[in-house]
PDB file of N, CA and C in Angstrom:
ATOM      1  N   MET A   1      43.873  83.541 -58.359  1.00  0.00           N
ATOM      2  CA  MET A   1      43.875  81.891 -58.699  1.00  0.00           C
ATOM      3  C   MET A   1      42.796  81.825 -59.608  1.00  0.00           C
ATOM      4  N   ASP A   2      43.170  81.229 -60.710  1.00  0.00           N
ATOM      5  CA  ASP A   2      42.276  80.557 -61.995  1.00  0.00           C
ATOM      6  C   ASP A   2      41.507  79.201 -61.466  1.00  0.00           C
ATOM      7  N   CYS A   3      41.061  78.997 -62.426  1.00  0.00           N
ATOM      8  CA  CYS A   3      39.756  77.704 -61.892  1.00  0.00           C
ATOM      9  C   CYS A   3      40.718  76.643 -61.802  1.00  0.00           C
ATOM     10  N   GLN A   4      41.470  76.256 -62.718  1.00  0.00           N
ATOM     11  CA  GLN A   4      42.113  75.437 -63.144  1.00  0.00           C
ATOM     12  C   GLN A   4      43.088  74.809 -62.140  1.00  0.00           C
ATOM     13  N   SER A   5      43.614  75.737 -61.257  1.00  0.00           N
ATOM     14  CA  SER A   5      44.644  75.810 -60.301  1.00  0.00           C
ATOM     15  C   SER A   5      43.678  75.368 -58.842  1.00  0.00           C
ATOM     16  N   ALA A   6      42.644  75.972 -58.973  1.00  0.00           N
ATOM     17  CA  ALA A   6      41.675  75.698 -57.659  1.00  0.00           C
ATOM     18  C   ALA A   6      41.231  74.242 -57.789  1.00  0.00           C
ATOM     19  N   LYS A   7      40.878  73.840 -58.704  1.00  0.00           N
ATOM     20  CA  LYS A   7      40.098  72.384 -59.071  1.00  0.00           C
ATOM     21  C   LYS A   7      41.460  71.500 -58.741  1.00  0.00           C
ATOM     22  N   GLU A   8      42.919  72.028 -58.876  1.00  0.00           N
ATOM     23  CA  GLU A   8      44.067  71.003 -58.875  1.00  0.00           C
ATOM     24  C   GLU A   8      44.289  71.188 -57.162  1.00  0.00           C
ATOM     25  N   ILE A   9      43.908  71.922 -56.654  1.00  0.00           N
ATOM     26  CA  ILE A   9      44.142  71.816 -55.110  1.00  0.00           C
ATOM     27  C   ILE A   9      43.092  71.391 -54.086  1.00  0.00           C
ATOM     28  N   MET A  10      41.718  71.012 -54.404  1.00  0.00           N
ATOM     29  CA  MET A  10      40.517  70.595 -54.183  1.00  0.00           C
ATOM     30  C   MET A  10      40.383  69.005 -53.190  1.00  0.00           C
ATOM     31  N   PRO A  11      41.109  68.379 -54.080  1.00  0.00           N
ATOM     32  CA  PRO A  11      41.580  66.979 -53.709  1.00  0.00           C
ATOM     33  C   PRO A  11      42.182  67.325 -51.884  1.00  0.00           C
ATOM     34  N   ALA A  12      43.477  67.971 -52.150  1.00  0.00           N
ATOM     35  CA  ALA A  12      44.321  68.580 -50.985  1.00  0.00           C
ATOM     36  C   ALA A  12      43.489  68.951 -49.766  1.00  0.00           C
ATOM     37  N   TYR A  13      42.899  70.005 -50.433  1.00  0.00           N
ATOM     38  CA  TYR A  13      41.541  71.239 -49.545  1.00  0.00           C
ATOM     39  C   TYR A  13      40.899  70.103 -49.161  1.00  0.00           C
ATOM     40  N   LEU A  14      40.126  69.031 -49.604  1.00  0.00           N
ATOM     41  CA  LEU A  14      39.350  68.387 -48.828  1.00  0.00           C
ATOM     42  C   LEU A  14      40.008  67.144 -47.952  1.00  0.00           C
ATOM     43  N   ALA A  15      41.047  66.937 -48.328  1.00  0.00           N
ATOM     44  CA  ALA A  15      41.616  65.734 -47.518  1.00  0.00           C
ATOM     45  C   ALA A  15      42.255  66.738 -46.093  1.00  0.00           C
ATOM     46  N   ASN A  16      42.445  67.799 -46.167  1.00  0.00           N
ATOM     47  CA  ASN A  16      43.076  68.667 -45.288  1.00  0.00           C
ATOM     48  C   ASN A  16      44.456  68.349 -45.072  1.00  0.00           C
ATOM     49  N   ALA A  17      45.122  68.385 -46.418  1.00  0.00           N
ATOM     50  CA  ALA A  17      46.369  68.473 -46.956  1.00  0.00           C
ATOM     51  C   ALA A  17      47.135  69.589 -47.232  1.00  0.00           C
ATOM     52  N   ALA A  18      46.290  70.507 -47.803  1.00  0.00           N
ATOM     53  CA  ALA A  18      46.612  71.751 -48.267  1.00  0.00           C
ATOM     54  C   ALA A  18      47.451  72.672 -47.058  1.00  0.00           C
ATOM     55  N   THR A  19      48.336  73.742 -47.702  1.00  0.00           N
ATOM     56  CA  THR A  19      49.072  74.523 -46.918  1.00  0.00           C
ATOM     57  C   THR A  19      48.118  75.538 -46.793  1.00  0.00           C
ATOM     58  N   LEU A  20      48.487  76.375 -45.562  1.00  0.00           N
ATOM     59  CA  LEU A  20      47.582  77.632 -44.975  1.00  0.00           C
ATOM     60  C   LEU A  20      47.752  78.537 -46.336  1.00  0.00           C
ATOM     61  N   ASP A  21      48.837  78.491 -47.267  1.00  0.00           N
ATOM     62  CA  ASP A  21      48.900  79.544 -48.211  1.00  0.00           C
ATOM     63  C   ASP A  21      47.465  79.154 -49.581  1.00  0.00           C
ATOM     64  N   GLU A  22      47.745  77.720 -49.681  1.00  0.00           N
ATOM     65  CA  GLU A  22      46.556  77.042 -50.893  1.00  0.00           C
ATOM     66  C   GLU A  22      45.530  77.340 -49.980  1.00  0.00           C
ATOM     67  N   VAL A  23      45.420  77.097 -48.738  1.00  0.00           N
ATOM     68  CA  VAL A  23      43.724  77.032 -48.084  1.00  0.00           C
ATOM     69  C   VAL A  23      43.217  78.669 -48.557  1.00  0.00           C
ATOM     70  N   ALA A  24      44.084  79.754 -48.225  1.00  0.00           N
ATOM     71  CA  ALA A  24      43.661  81.212 -48.235  1.00  0.00           C
ATOM     72  C   ALA A  24      43.307  81.564 -49.502  1.00  0.00           C
ATOM     73  N   LYS A  25      44.324  80.745 -50.600  1.00  0.00           N
ATOM     74  CA  LYS A  25      43.769  81.302 -52.107  1.00  0.00           C
ATOM     75  C   LYS A  25      42.696  80.593 -52.670  1.00  0.00           C
ATOM     76  N   ILE A  26      42.291  79.160 -52.066  1.00  0.00           N
ATOM     77  CA  ILE A  26      41.428  78.502 -52.588  1.00  0.00           C
ATOM     78  C   ILE A  26      40.080  78.953 -51.967  1.00  0.00           C
ATOM     79  N   GLU A  27      39.910  79.704 -50.728  1.00  0.00           N
ATOM     80  CA  GLU A  27      38.831  79.889 -50.151  1.00  0.00           C
ATOM     81  C   GLU A  27      38.508  81.212 -50.723  1.00  0.00           C
ATOM     82  N   SER A  28      39.472  82.159 -51.011  1.00  0.00           N
ATOM     83  CA  SER A  28      39.144  83.343 -51.641  1.00  0.00           C
ATOM     84  C   SER A  28      38.751  83.307 -52.943  1.00  0.00           C
ATOM     85  N   HIS A  29      39.098  82.418 -53.906  1.00  0.00           N
ATOM     86  CA  HIS A  29      38.624  82.156 -54.900  1.00  0.00           C
ATOM     87  C   HIS A  29      37.113  81.610 -54.837  1.00  0.00           C
ATOM     88  N   LEU A  30      36.975  80.627 -53.940  1.00  0.00           N
ATOM     89  CA  LEU A  30      35.698  79.895 -53.899  1.00  0.00           C
ATOM     90  C   LEU A  30      34.549  81.302 -53.677  1.00  0.00           C
ATOM     91  N   ALA A  31      35.129  82.058 -52.930  1.00  0.00           N
ATOM     92  CA  ALA A  31      33.844  83.501 -52.437  1.00  0.00           C
ATOM     93  C   ALA A  31      33.654  83.908 -53.659  1.00  0.00           C
ATOM     94  N   VAL A  32      34.539  84.023 -54.905  1.00  0.00           N
ATOM     95  CA  VAL A  32      33.701  84.519 -56.037  1.00  0.00           C
ATOM     96  C   VAL A  32      33.269  83.831 -57.379  1.00  0.00           C
ATOM     97  N   CYS A  33      33.715  82.600 -57.044  1.00  0.00           N
ATOM     98  CA  CYS A  33      33.605  81.675 -58.299  1.00  0.00           C
ATOM     99  C   CYS A  33      32.545  80.513 -57.841  1.00  0.00           C
ATOM    100  N   GLN A  34      31.309  80.703 -58.420  1.00  0.00           N
ATOM    101  CA  GLN A  34      30.157  80.199 -58.280  1.00  0.00           C
ATOM    102  C   GLN A  34      30.209  78.153 -59.005  1.00  0.00           C
ATOM    103  N   GLU A  35      31.401  78.450 -59.930  1.00  0.00           N
ATOM    104  CA  GLU A  35      31.372  77.016 -60.690  1.00  0.00           C
ATOM    105  C   GLU A  35      32.328  76.309 -59.865  1.00  0.00           C
ATOM    106  N   CYS A  36      33.219  76.838 -59.059  1.00  0.00           N
ATOM    107  CA  CYS A  36      34.296  76.176 -58.306  1.00  0.00           C
ATOM    108  C   CYS A  36      33.558  75.578 -57.122  1.00  0.00           C
ATOM    109  N   ARG A  37      32.368  76.660 -56.691  1.00  0.00           N
ATOM    110  CA  ARG A  37      32.013  76.170 -55.456  1.00  0.00           C
ATOM    111  C   ARG A  37      30.805  74.903 -55.750  1.00  0.00           C
ATOM    112  N   GLN A  38      30.368  74.811 -57.157  1.00  0.00           N
ATOM    113  CA  GLN A  38      29.722  73.506 -57.567  1.00  0.00           C
ATOM    114  C   GLN A  38      30.481  72.407 -57.594  1.00  0.00           C
ATOM    115  N   HIS A  39      31.703  72.722 -58.297  1.00  0.00           N
ATOM    116  CA  HIS A  39      32.577  71.532 -58.293  1.00  0.00           C
ATOM    117  C   HIS A  39      33.134  70.904 -56.989  1.00  0.00           C
ATOM    118  N   LEU A  40      33.181  71.776 -56.218  1.00  0.00           N
ATOM    119  CA  LEU A  40      33.666  71.275 -54.703  1.00  0.00           C
ATOM    120  C   LEU A  40      32.508  71.023 -54.336  1.00  0.00           C
ATOM    121  N   SER A  41      31.493  71.408 -54.233  1.00  0.00           N
ATOM    122  CA  SER A  41      30.393  70.593 -53.726  1.00  0.00           C
ATOM    123  C   SER A  41      29.853  69.112 -54.255  1.00  0.00           C
ATOM    124  N   LYS A  42      30.192  68.731 -55.648  1.00  0.00           N
ATOM    125  CA  LYS A  42      30.314  67.624 -56.248  1.00  0.00           C
ATOM    126  C   LYS A  42      31.424  66.780 -55.731  1.00  0.00           C
ATOM    127  N   MET A  43      32.360  67.322 -55.423  1.00  0.00           N
ATOM    128  CA  MET A  43      33.500  66.322 -54.890  1.00  0.00           C
ATOM    129  C   MET A  43      33.210  65.813 -53.915  1.00  0.00           C
ATOM    130  N   ILE A  44      32.546  66.801 -52.820  1.00  0.00           N
ATOM    131  CA  ILE A  44      32.280  66.256 -51.534  1.00  0.00           C
ATOM    132  C   ILE A  44      31.332  65.415 -51.607  1.00  0.00           C
ATOM    133  N   ASP A  45      30.131  65.219 -52.150  1.00  0.00           N
ATOM    134  CA  ASP A  45      29.320  64.350 -52.348  1.00  0.00           C
ATOM    135  C   ASP A  45      29.773  62.957 -53.064  1.00  0.00           C
ATOM    136  N   GLU A  46      30.769  62.884 -53.859  1.00  0.00           N
ATOM    137  CA  GLU A  46      31.179  61.748 -54.349  1.00  0.00           C
ATOM    138  C   GLU A  46      31.608  60.573 -53.092  1.00  0.00           C
ATOM    139  N   PRO A  47      31.804  59.384 -53.395  1.00  0.00           N
ATOM    140  CA  PRO A  47      32.367  58.486 -52.630  1.00  0.00           C
ATOM    141  C   PRO A  47      33.787  58.971 -52.541  1.00  0.00           C
ATOM    142  N   VAL A  48      34.055  58.437 -51.141  1.00  0.00           N
ATOM    143  CA  VAL A  48      35.686  58.707 -51.066  1.00  0.00           C
ATOM    144  C   VAL A  48      37.036  57.983 -51.896  1.00  0.00           C
ATOM    145  N   ALA A  49      37.712  58.875 -52.441  1.00  0.00           N
ATOM    146  CA  ALA A  49      38.824  58.075 -53.254  1.00  0.00           C
ATOM    147  C   ALA A  49      39.603  57.206 -52.502  1.00  0.00           C
ATOM    148  N   PRO A  50      39.930  56.101 -53.079  1.00  0.00           N
ATOM    149  CA  PRO A  50      40.927  55.299 -52.302  1.00  0.00           C
ATOM    150  C   PRO A  50      41.777  55.911 -51.505  1.00  0.00           C
ATOM    151  N   GLY A  51      42.786  56.796 -52.242  1.00  0.00           N
ATOM    152  CA  GLY A  51      44.054  57.607 -51.331  1.00  0.00           C
ATOM    153  C   GLY A  51      43.487  58.383 -50.283  1.00  0.00           C
ATOM    154  N   ILE A  52      42.360  58.658 -49.883  1.00  0.00           N
ATOM    155  CA  ILE A  52      41.692  59.432 -49.316  1.00  0.00           C
ATOM    156  C   ILE A  52      41.120  58.659 -48.080  1.00  0.00           C
ATOM    157  N   LYS A  53      41.575  59.204 -46.479  1.00  0.00           N
ATOM    158  CA  LYS A  53      40.743  58.530 -45.280  1.00  0.00           C
ATOM    159  C   LYS A  53      39.723  59.385 -45.328  1.00  0.00           C
ATOM    160  N   PRO A  54      38.447  58.768 -44.769  1.00  0.00           N
ATOM    161  CA  PRO A  54      37.283  59.076 -44.798  1.00  0.00           C
ATOM    162  C   PRO A  54      37.219  60.144 -43.743  1.00  0.00           C
ATOM    163  N   ASP A  55      38.084  60.077 -42.728  1.00  0.00           N
ATOM    164  CA  ASP A  55      37.812  60.828 -41.467  1.00  0.00           C
ATOM    165  C   ASP A  55      38.412  62.039 -41.962  1.00  0.00           C
ATOM    166  N   LEU A  56      39.119  62.264 -43.002  1.00  0.00           N
ATOM    167  CA  LEU A  56      39.743  63.634 -43.236  1.00  0.00           C
ATOM    168  C   LEU A  56      39.083  64.572 -43.891  1.00  0.00           C
ATOM    169  N   ARG A  57      37.986  64.213 -44.589  1.00  0.00           N
ATOM    170  CA  ARG A  57      37.210  64.421 -45.644  1.00  0.00           C
ATOM    171  C   ARG A  57      35.864  65.532 -44.848  1.00  0.00           C
ATOM    172  N   LEU A  58      35.570  66.334 -45.424  1.00  0.00           N
ATOM    173  CA  LEU A  58      34.677  67.381 -44.773  1.00  0.00           C
ATOM    174  C   LEU A  58      33.513  66.854 -44.699  1.00  0.00           C
ATOM    175  N   PRO A  59      32.573  66.717 -43.310  1.00  0.00           N
ATOM    176  CA  PRO A  59      31.546  65.992 -43.702  1.00  0.00           C
ATOM    177  C   PRO A  59      30.301  66.726 -44.268  1.00  0.00           C
ATOM    178  N   THR A  60      29.584  65.933 -44.339  1.00  0.00           N
ATOM    179  CA  THR A  60      28.431  65.903 -45.642  1.00  0.00           C
ATOM    180  C   THR A  60      27.155  65.634 -44.738  1.00  0.00           C
ATOM    181  N   SER A  61      25.900  66.094 -45.105  1.00  0.00           N
ATOM    182  CA  SER A  61      24.838  66.007 -44.333  1.00  0.00           C
ATOM    183  C   SER A  61      24.790  64.374 -44.230  1.00  0.00           C
ATOM    184  N   ALA A  62      24.843  63.731 -45.239  1.00  0.00           N
ATOM    185  CA  ALA A  62      24.517  62.189 -45.615  1.00  0.00           C
ATOM    186  C   ALA A  62      25.768  61.374 -44.155  1.00  0.00           C
ATOM    187  N   THR A  63      26.969  61.819 -44.360  1.00  0.00           N
ATOM    188  CA  THR A  63      27.905  61.400 -43.295  1.00  0.00           C
ATOM    189  C   THR A  63      28.489  61.979 -42.288  1.00  0.00           C
ATOM    190  N   ALA A  64      27.605  63.134 -41.886  1.00  0.00           N
ATOM    191  CA  ALA A  64      28.135  63.951 -40.395  1.00  0.00           C
ATOM    192  C   ALA A  64      27.380  62.869 -39.617  1.00  0.00           C
ATOM    193  N   PRO A  65      28.351  62.770 -38.377  1.00  0.00           N
ATOM    194  CA  PRO A  65      27.925  61.985 -37.239  1.00  0.00           C
ATOM    195  C   PRO A  65      26.559  62.500 -36.519  1.00  0.00           C
ATOM    196  N   VAL A  66      25.592  61.605 -36.270  1.00  0.00           N
ATOM    197  CA  VAL A  66      24.543  62.366 -35.366  1.00  0.00           C
ATOM    198  C   VAL A  66      24.741  62.289 -33.867  1.00  0.00           C
ATOM    199  N   ARG A  67      25.046  63.835 -33.577  1.00  0.00           N
ATOM    200  CA  ARG A  67      25.268  63.871 -31.934  1.00  0.00           C
ATOM    201  C   ARG A  67      24.114  64.188 -31.347  1.00  0.00           C
ATOM    202  N   ASP A  68      24.168  63.639 -30.100  1.00  0.00           N
ATOM    203  CA  ASP A  68      22.911  63.236 -29.120  1.00  0.00           C
ATOM    204  C   ASP A  68      22.878  64.872 -28.740  1.00  0.00           C
ATOM    205  N   LEU A  69      21.136  65.342 -28.761  1.00  0.00           N
ATOM    206  CA  LEU A  69      20.829  66.275 -28.172  1.00  0.00           C
ATOM    207  C   LEU A  69      20.809  66.622 -27.179  1.00  0.00           C
ATOM    208  N   GLU A  70      20.981  65.296 -26.257  1.00  0.00           N
ATOM    209  CA  GLU A  70      20.441  65.753 -24.780  1.00  0.00           C
ATOM    210  C   GLU A  70      21.525  66.309 -24.211  1.00  0.00           C
ATOM    211  N   PRO A  71      21.999  67.356 -23.213  1.00  0.00           N
ATOM    212  CA  PRO A  71      22.910  67.768 -22.963  1.00  0.00           C
ATOM    213  C   PRO A  71      23.592  66.748 -21.597  1.00  0.00           C
ATOM    214  N   GLU A  72      24.930  66.654 -21.172  1.00  0.00           N
ATOM    215  CA  GLU A  72      25.033  65.959 -20.334  1.00  0.00           C
ATOM    216  C   GLU A  72      24.645  66.795 -18.854  1.00  0.00           C
ATOM    217  N   PRO A  73      24.294  65.789 -18.042  1.00  0.00           N
ATOM    218  CA  PRO A  73      23.894  66.177 -16.880  1.00  0.00           C
ATOM    219  C   PRO A  73      25.212  66.600 -16.022  1.00  0.00           C
ATOM    220  N   VAL A  74      24.661  68.121 -15.406  1.00  0.00           N
ATOM    221  CA  VAL A  74      25.473  68.608 -14.362  1.00  0.00           C
ATOM    222  C   VAL A  74      25.593  68.024 -13.357  1.00  0.00           C
ATOM    223  N   PRO A  75      26.347  67.535 -12.105  1.00  0.00           N
ATOM    224  CA  PRO A  75      26.507  67.301 -11.130  1.00  0.00           C
ATOM    225  C   PRO A  75      25.691  68.558 -10.240  1.00  0.00           C
ATOM    226  N   VAL A  76      24.715  68.159  -9.378  1.00  0.00           N
ATOM    227  CA  VAL A  76      24.075  69.103  -8.254  1.00  0.00           C
ATOM    228  C   VAL A  76      24.928  70.126  -7.833  1.00  0.00           C
ATOM    229  N   GLU A  77      26.195  69.898  -7.124  1.00  0.00           N
ATOM    230  CA  GLU A  77      27.072  70.795  -6.623  1.00  0.00           C
ATOM    231  C   GLU A  77      27.701  71.721  -7.507  1.00  0.00           C
ATOM    232  N   GLU A  78      27.355  71.145  -8.771  1.00  0.00           N
ATOM    233  CA  GLU A  78      27.980  72.411  -9.992  1.00  0.00           C
ATOM    234  C   GLU A  78      26.724  73.461 -10.475  1.00  0.00           C
ATOM    235  N   ARG A  79      25.407  73.253  -9.968  1.00  0.00           N
ATOM    236  CA  ARG A  79      24.739  73.791 -10.251  1.00  0.00           C
ATOM    237  C   ARG A  79      24.154  75.002  -8.970  1.00  0.00           C
ATOM    238  N   PRO A  80      24.163  76.517  -9.567  1.00  0.00           N
ATOM    239  CA  PRO A  80      23.778  77.168  -8.473  1.00  0.00           C
ATOM    240  C   PRO A  80      22.471  77.551  -7.979  1.00  0.00           C
ATOM    241  N   GLU A  81      21.649  77.150  -9.020  1.00  0.00           N
ATOM    242  CA  GLU A  81      20.014  77.251  -8.868  1.00  0.00           C
ATOM    243  C   GLU A  81      19.981  76.140  -8.111  1.00  0.00           C
ATOM    244  N   GLU A  82      20.344  75.106  -7.868  1.00  0.00           N
ATOM    245  CA  GLU A  82      20.087  74.074  -6.910  1.00  0.00           C
ATOM    246  C   GLU A  82      20.349  74.426  -5.441  1.00  0.00           C
ATOM    247  N   ARG A  83      21.373  75.253  -5.288  1.00  0.00           N
ATOM    248  CA  ARG A  83      21.890  75.578  -4.352  1.00  0.00           C
ATOM    249  C   ARG A  83      20.667  76.608  -3.633  1.00  0.00           C
ATOM    250  N   LEU A  84      20.580  77.800  -4.486  1.00  0.00           N
ATOM    251  CA  LEU A  84      19.309  78.620  -4.005  1.00  0.00           C
ATOM    252  C   LEU A  84      17.897  78.097  -3.876  1.00  0.00           C
ATOM    253  N   ILE A  85      17.862  77.202  -4.317  1.00  0.00           N
ATOM    254  CA  ILE A  85      16.285  76.364  -4.176  1.00  0.00           C
ATOM    255  C   ILE A  85      16.398  75.795  -2.611  1.00  0.00           C
ATOM    256  N   GLU A  86      17.681  75.438  -2.452  1.00  0.00           N
ATOM    257  CA  GLU A  86      17.402  74.443  -0.875  1.00  0.00           C
ATOM    258  C   GLU A  86      17.472  75.594  -0.276  1.00  0.00           C
ATOM    259  N   LYS A  87      18.262  76.690  -0.750  1.00  0.00           N
ATOM    260  CA  LYS A  87      18.361  78.087   0.759  1.00  0.00           C
ATOM    261  C   LYS A  87      16.913  78.178   0.735  1.00  0.00           C
ATOM    262  N   ILE A  88      16.227  78.598  -0.035  1.00  0.00           N
ATOM    263  CA  ILE A  88      14.833  79.189  -0.192  1.00  0.00           C
ATOM    264  C   ILE A  88      14.023  78.194   0.490  1.00  0.00           C
ATOM    265  N   LYS A  89      13.909  76.660   0.601  1.00  0.00           N
ATOM    266  CA  LYS A  89      13.422  75.654   1.029  1.00  0.00           C
ATOM    267  C   LYS A  89      13.547  75.699   2.818  1.00  0.00           C
ATOM    268  N   ALA A  90      15.113  75.851   2.761  1.00  0.00           N
ATOM    269  CA  ALA A  90      15.287  75.967   4.471  1.00  0.00           C
ATOM    270  C   ALA A  90      15.297  77.005   4.947  1.00  0.00           C
ATOM    271  N   LYS A  91      15.077  78.109   4.199  1.00  0.00           N
ATOM    272  CA  LYS A  91      14.243  79.573   5.173  1.00  0.00           C
ATOM    273  C   LYS A  91      13.165  79.706   5.701  1.00  0.00           C
ATOM    274  N   GLY A  92      11.876  78.885   5.227  1.00  0.00           N
ATOM    275  CA  GLY A  92      10.725  78.453   5.709  1.00  0.00           C
ATOM    276  C   GLY A  92       9.990  79.770   5.846  1.00  0.00           C
ATOM    277  N   SER A  93       8.760  79.573   6.070  1.00  0.00           N
ATOM    278  CA  SER A  93       7.630  80.816   5.825  1.00  0.00           C
ATOM    279  C   SER A  93       7.879  81.157   7.545  1.00  0.00           C
ATOM    280  N   ASN A  94       8.247  80.789   8.529  1.00  0.00           N
ATOM    281  CA  ASN A  94       8.301  81.695   9.817  1.00  0.00           C
ATOM    282  C   ASN A  94       9.340  82.550  10.211  1.00  0.00           C
ATOM    283  N   ASP A  95      10.461  82.836   8.974  1.00  0.00           N
ATOM    284  CA  ASP A  95      11.505  83.457   9.092  1.00  0.00           C
ATOM    285  C   ASP A  95      11.311  84.758   8.870  1.00  0.00           C
ATOM    286  N   LYS A  96      11.317  86.261   9.434  1.00  0.00           N
ATOM    287  CA  LYS A  96      11.119  87.735   9.267  1.00  0.00           C
ATOM    288  C   LYS A  96      11.603  88.035   8.284  1.00  0.00           C
ATOM    289  N   LEU A  97      11.230  88.870   7.661  1.00  0.00           N
ATOM    290  CA  LEU A  97      12.015  89.784   6.781  1.00  0.00           C
ATOM    291  C   LEU A  97      12.694  90.518   7.119  1.00  0.00           C
ATOM    292  N   THR A  98      14.052  90.586   6.749  1.00  0.00           N
ATOM    293  CA  THR A  98      15.217  91.391   7.021  1.00  0.00           C
ATOM    294  C   THR A  98      15.047  92.938   6.453  1.00  0.00           C
ATOM    295  N   LEU A  99      15.879  94.131   7.098  1.00  0.00           N
ATOM    296  CA  LEU A  99      15.865  95.261   6.377  1.00  0.00           C
ATOM    297  C   LEU A  99      15.862  95.262   5.043  1.00  0.00           C
ATOM    298  N   LEU A 100      17.046  94.447   4.440  1.00  0.00           N
ATOM    299  CA  LEU A 100      17.331  94.456   2.981  1.00  0.00           C
ATOM    300  C   LEU A 100      16.353  93.961   2.215  1.00  0.00           C
ATOM    301  N   ASP A 101      15.578  93.066   2.501  1.00  0.00           N
ATOM    302  CA  ASP A 101      14.198  92.668   2.026  1.00  0.00           C
ATOM    303  C   ASP A 101      12.886  93.906   1.866  1.00  0.00           C
ATOM    304  N   TYR A 102      12.892  94.479   3.171  1.00  0.00           N
ATOM    305  CA  TYR A 102      12.000  95.735   3.094  1.00  0.00           C
ATOM    306  C   TYR A 102      12.559  96.606   1.953  1.00  0.00           C
ATOM    307  N   GLY A 103      13.725  97.092   2.019  1.00  0.00           N
ATOM    308  CA  GLY A 103      14.258  97.985   1.247  1.00  0.00           C
ATOM    309  C   GLY A 103      13.950  97.607  -0.423  1.00  0.00           C
ATOM    310  N   ALA A 104      14.419  96.141  -0.468  1.00  0.00           N
ATOM    311  CA  ALA A 104      13.933  95.966  -2.229  1.00  0.00           C
ATOM    312  C   ALA A 104      12.469  95.862  -2.461  1.00  0.00           C
ATOM    313  N   LEU A 105      11.686  95.745  -1.065  1.00  0.00           N
ATOM    314  CA  LEU A 105      10.303  95.627  -1.497  1.00  0.00           C
ATOM    315  C   LEU A 105       9.913  96.799  -2.142  1.00  0.00           C
ATOM    316  N   ILE A 106      10.207  97.865  -1.128  1.00  0.00           N
ATOM    317  CA  ILE A 106       9.886  99.707  -1.342  1.00  0.00           C
ATOM    318  C   ILE A 106      10.102  99.912  -2.320  1.00  0.00           C
ATOM    319  N   ILE A 107      11.843  99.611  -2.862  1.00  0.00           N
ATOM    320  CA  ILE A 107      12.130 100.277  -4.289  1.00  0.00           C
ATOM    321  C   ILE A 107      11.384  99.379  -5.356  1.00  0.00           C
ATOM    322  N   GLY A 108      10.886  98.393  -5.328  1.00  0.00           N
ATOM    323  CA  GLY A 108      10.008  97.485  -6.170  1.00  0.00           C
ATOM    324  C   GLY A 108       9.059  98.640  -6.694  1.00  0.00           C
ATOM    325  N   ILE A 109       7.994  98.452  -5.226  1.00  0.00           N
ATOM    326  CA  ILE A 109       6.586  99.099  -5.498  1.00  0.00           C
ATOM    327  C   ILE A 109       6.906 100.901  -6.204  1.00  0.00           C
ATOM    328  N   MET A 110       8.496 101.470  -6.093  1.00  0.00           N
ATOM    329  CA  MET A 110       8.352 102.598  -6.067  1.00  0.00           C
ATOM    330  C   MET A 110       8.359 102.885  -7.962  1.00  0.00           C
ATOM    331  N   ILE A 111       9.433 101.700  -8.435  1.00  0.00           N
ATOM    332  CA  ILE A 111       9.536 101.651  -9.625  1.00  0.00           C
ATOM    333  C   ILE A 111       8.182 101.221 -10.115  1.00  0.00           C
ATOM    334  N   LEU A 112       7.247 100.310  -9.635  1.00  0.00           N
ATOM    335  CA  LEU A 112       6.108  99.885 -10.368  1.00  0.00           C
ATOM    336  C   LEU A 112       4.843 100.936 -10.241  1.00  0.00           C
ATOM    337  N   GLY A 113       5.118 102.107  -9.435  1.00  0.00           N
ATOM    338  CA  GLY A 113       4.506 103.280  -9.235  1.00  0.00           C
ATOM    339  C   GLY A 113       4.976 104.279 -10.291  1.00  0.00           C
ATOM    340  N   PHE A 114       6.266 104.478 -10.668  1.00  0.00           N
ATOM    341  CA  PHE A 114       6.399 105.198 -11.685  1.00  0.00           C
ATOM    342  C   PHE A 114       6.220 104.926 -12.849  1.00  0.00           C
ATOM    343  N   LEU A 115       6.041 103.414 -13.382  1.00  0.00           N
ATOM    344  CA  LEU A 115       5.841 103.107 -14.367  1.00  0.00           C
ATOM    345  C   LEU A 115       4.490 103.165 -14.846  1.00  0.00           C
ATOM    346  N   LEU A 116       3.600 102.805 -13.537  1.00  0.00           N
ATOM    347  CA  LEU A 116       2.301 103.101 -13.829  1.00  0.00           C
ATOM    348  C   LEU A 116       1.939 104.663 -14.029  1.00  0.00           C
ATOM    349  N   PHE A 117       2.383 105.661 -13.550  1.00  0.00           N
ATOM    350  CA  PHE A 117       2.395 107.240 -13.891  1.00  0.00           C
ATOM    351  C   PHE A 117       3.085 107.161 -15.276  1.00  0.00           C
ATOM    352  N   LEU A 118       3.967 106.825 -15.898  1.00  0.00           N
ATOM    353  CA  LEU A 118       4.103 107.033 -17.117  1.00  0.00           C
ATOM    354  C   LEU A 118       3.358 106.472 -18.014  1.00  0.00           C
ATOM    355  N   PHE A 119       2.568 105.178 -17.822  1.00  0.00           N
ATOM    356  CA  PHE A 119       1.874 104.652 -18.984  1.00  0.00           C
ATOM    357  C   PHE A 119       0.396 105.376 -18.644  1.00  0.00           C
ATOM    358  N   THR A 120      -0.073 105.567 -17.484  1.00  0.00           N
ATOM    359  CA  THR A 120      -1.192 106.408 -17.721  1.00  0.00           C
ATOM    360  C   THR A 120      -1.338 107.684 -18.149  1.00  0.00           C
ATOM    361  N   LYS A 121      -0.018 108.413 -18.156  1.00  0.00           N
ATOM    362  CA  LYS A 121       0.173 109.756 -18.479  1.00  0.00           C
ATOM    363  C   LYS A 121       0.069 110.049 -20.065  1.00  0.00           C
ATOM    364  N   LYS A 122       0.170 108.969 -20.567  1.00  0.00           N
ATOM    365  CA  LYS A 122      -0.063 109.031 -22.375  1.00  0.00           C
ATOM    366  C   LYS A 122      -1.530 108.991 -22.811  1.00  0.00           C
TER     367      LYS A 122
END
């Protein structure tokens, strides 16, 4: 695709009215043509032409809507970490360790001992 053809398709490309074939051609041309990228950039920064609806144009940094950066709160029943904290609180300090707890503790100590052995060996 030559630059003249690309510049003719750019208004339709910006208005999301170009065909898939035209979009593929113009994007492959824009990948190699600095002049057309600059021309497209100028078109994006221009005020909206009367025939193009503003919501169909590509957003620029000046016209892009500002989104809330705060995530939406997740209900407690959907947060597994809350349920885990509740279970830990409910267990209390009077409960005894199970065989699985002792096994995990022994394996952890063995891993730490092995790591200490490796680091002190050097």
